Amino acid sequence: MKTLREVKVGETVKVKKLHGEGAVKRRIMDMGITKGTDVFVRKVAPLGDPIEVTVRGYELSLRKADTEMIEVE
């Protein structure tokens, strides 16, 4: 299982599955990250948190903890 946290800068991946419970999973889905969505990793902050991605045509910053819940292929 590969998570969004393991993806290198400049790579585009497809969301395979969302892990997590309740409000956290709902918040990730509300940001537009759903199964089958393409996600491009733009930047990673110097200390690794947050990670900036492009999803559905807009830029989004995600915490490391949130990216571990997003399974990609």
C-alpha atoms as a PDB file:
ATOM      1  CA  MET A   1       0.000   0.000   0.000  1.00  0.00           C
ATOM      2  CA  LYS A   2       1.456   3.341  -1.127  1.00  0.00           C
ATOM      3  CA  THR A   3       0.220   6.535   0.511  1.00  0.00           C
ATOM      4  CA  LEU A   4       0.262  10.111  -0.733  1.00  0.00           C
ATOM      5  CA  ARG A   5       3.002  10.868   1.805  1.00  0.00           C
ATOM      6  CA  GLU A   6       5.419   8.543  -0.068  1.00  0.00           C
ATOM      7  CA  VAL A   7       4.921  10.219  -3.462  1.00  0.00           C
ATOM      8  CA  LYS A   8       7.851  12.287  -4.753  1.00  0.00           C
ATOM      9  CA  VAL A   9       7.588  15.922  -5.873  1.00  0.00           C
ATOM     10  CA  GLY A  10       6.564  16.177  -9.529  1.00  0.00           C
ATOM     11  CA  GLU A  11       4.633  12.889  -9.642  1.00  0.00           C
ATOM     12  CA  THR A  12       0.950  12.499 -10.453  1.00  0.00           C
ATOM     13  CA  VAL A  13      -0.951   9.659  -8.795  1.00  0.00           C
ATOM     14  CA  LYS A  14      -4.548   8.441  -8.676  1.00  0.00           C
ATOM     15  CA  VAL A  15      -6.438   8.085  -5.391  1.00  0.00           C
ATOM     16  CA  LYS A  16      -7.245   4.441  -4.769  1.00  0.00           C
ATOM     17  CA  LYS A  17      -8.862   4.528  -1.323  1.00  0.00           C
ATOM     18  CA  LEU A  18      -9.404   6.830   1.667  1.00  0.00           C
ATOM     19  CA  HIS A  19      -8.732   5.513   5.145  1.00  0.00           C
ATOM     20  CA  GLY A  20      -9.747   7.223   8.366  1.00  0.00           C
ATOM     21  CA  GLU A  21     -12.912   7.754  10.338  1.00  0.00           C
ATOM     22  CA  GLY A  22     -15.798  10.187  10.438  1.00  0.00           C
ATOM     23  CA  ALA A  23     -14.992  13.881  10.372  1.00  0.00           C
ATOM     24  CA  VAL A  24     -11.402  13.473   9.161  1.00  0.00           C
ATOM     25  CA  LYS A  25     -12.426  11.378   6.153  1.00  0.00           C
ATOM     26  CA  ARG A  26     -15.330  13.743   5.399  1.00  0.00           C
ATOM     27  CA  ARG A  27     -12.977  16.781   5.494  1.00  0.00           C
ATOM     28  CA  ILE A  28     -10.582  15.143   3.014  1.00  0.00           C
ATOM     29  CA  MET A  29     -13.487  14.298   0.697  1.00  0.00           C
ATOM     30  CA  ASP A  30     -14.871  17.856   0.997  1.00  0.00           C
ATOM     31  CA  MET A  31     -11.513  19.156  -0.269  1.00  0.00           C
ATOM     32  CA  GLY A  32     -12.077  17.207  -3.498  1.00  0.00           C
ATOM     33  CA  ILE A  33      -9.898  14.183  -2.801  1.00  0.00           C
ATOM     34  CA  THR A  34     -12.077  11.216  -3.683  1.00  0.00           C
ATOM     35  CA  LYS A  35     -11.513   7.774  -5.216  1.00  0.00           C
ATOM     36  CA  GLY A  36     -10.282   8.026  -8.806  1.00  0.00           C
ATOM     37  CA  THR A  37      -9.082  11.647  -8.553  1.00  0.00           C
ATOM     38  CA  ASP A  38      -5.652  12.556  -9.967  1.00  0.00           C
ATOM     39  CA  VAL A  39      -3.333  14.314  -7.493  1.00  0.00           C
ATOM     40  CA  PHE A  40      -0.111  16.108  -8.528  1.00  0.00           C
ATOM     41  CA  VAL A  41       2.483  16.693  -5.780  1.00  0.00           C
ATOM     42  CA  ARG A  42       3.826  20.241  -6.260  1.00  0.00           C
ATOM     43  CA  LYS A  43       5.996  20.935  -3.208  1.00  0.00           C
ATOM     44  CA  VAL A  44       6.988  19.588   0.164  1.00  0.00           C
ATOM     45  CA  ALA A  45       7.908  22.036   2.926  1.00  0.00           C
ATOM     46  CA  PRO A  46      11.518  21.902   4.181  1.00  0.00           C
ATOM     47  CA  LEU A  47      10.582  19.906   7.289  1.00  0.00           C
ATOM     48  CA  GLY A  48       8.148  17.716   5.323  1.00  0.00           C
ATOM     49  CA  ASP A  49       4.929  19.245   6.622  1.00  0.00           C
ATOM     50  CA  PRO A  50       2.723  20.412   4.886  1.00  0.00           C
ATOM     51  CA  ILE A  51       2.656  18.926   1.394  1.00  0.00           C
ATOM     52  CA  GLU A  52       1.278  21.078  -1.430  1.00  0.00           C
ATOM     53  CA  VAL A  53      -0.716  19.264  -4.110  1.00  0.00           C
ATOM     54  CA  THR A  54      -2.825  20.170  -7.121  1.00  0.00           C
ATOM     55  CA  VAL A  55      -6.201  18.452  -7.211  1.00  0.00           C
ATOM     56  CA  ARG A  56      -9.135  19.236  -9.550  1.00  0.00           C
ATOM     57  CA  GLY A  57      -7.355  22.355 -10.830  1.00  0.00           C
ATOM     58  CA  TYR A  58      -6.554  24.048  -7.522  1.00  0.00           C
ATOM     59  CA  GLU A  59      -3.688  24.042  -5.038  1.00  0.00           C
ATOM     60  CA  LEU A  60      -4.165  22.453  -1.652  1.00  0.00           C
ATOM     61  CA  SER A  61      -1.879  22.034   1.362  1.00  0.00           C
ATOM     62  CA  LEU A  62      -2.247  18.850   3.391  1.00  0.00           C
ATOM     63  CA  ARG A  63      -0.796  17.801   6.723  1.00  0.00           C
ATOM     64  CA  LYS A  64       1.481  14.762   6.811  1.00  0.00           C
ATOM     65  CA  ALA A  65      -1.020  12.940   9.031  1.00  0.00           C
ATOM     66  CA  ASP A  66      -3.777  13.476   6.441  1.00  0.00           C
ATOM     67  CA  THR A  67      -1.627  12.284   3.529  1.00  0.00           C
ATOM     68  CA  GLU A  68      -0.999   8.978   5.337  1.00  0.00           C
ATOM     69  CA  MET A  69      -4.748   8.251   5.097  1.00  0.00           C
ATOM     70  CA  ILE A  70      -4.826   8.615   1.301  1.00  0.00           C
ATOM     71  CA  GLU A  71      -3.924   5.393  -0.525  1.00  0.00           C
ATOM     72  CA  VAL A  72      -2.711   5.976  -4.104  1.00  0.00           C
ATOM     73  CA  GLU A  73      -1.588   4.013  -7.150  1.00  0.00           C
END
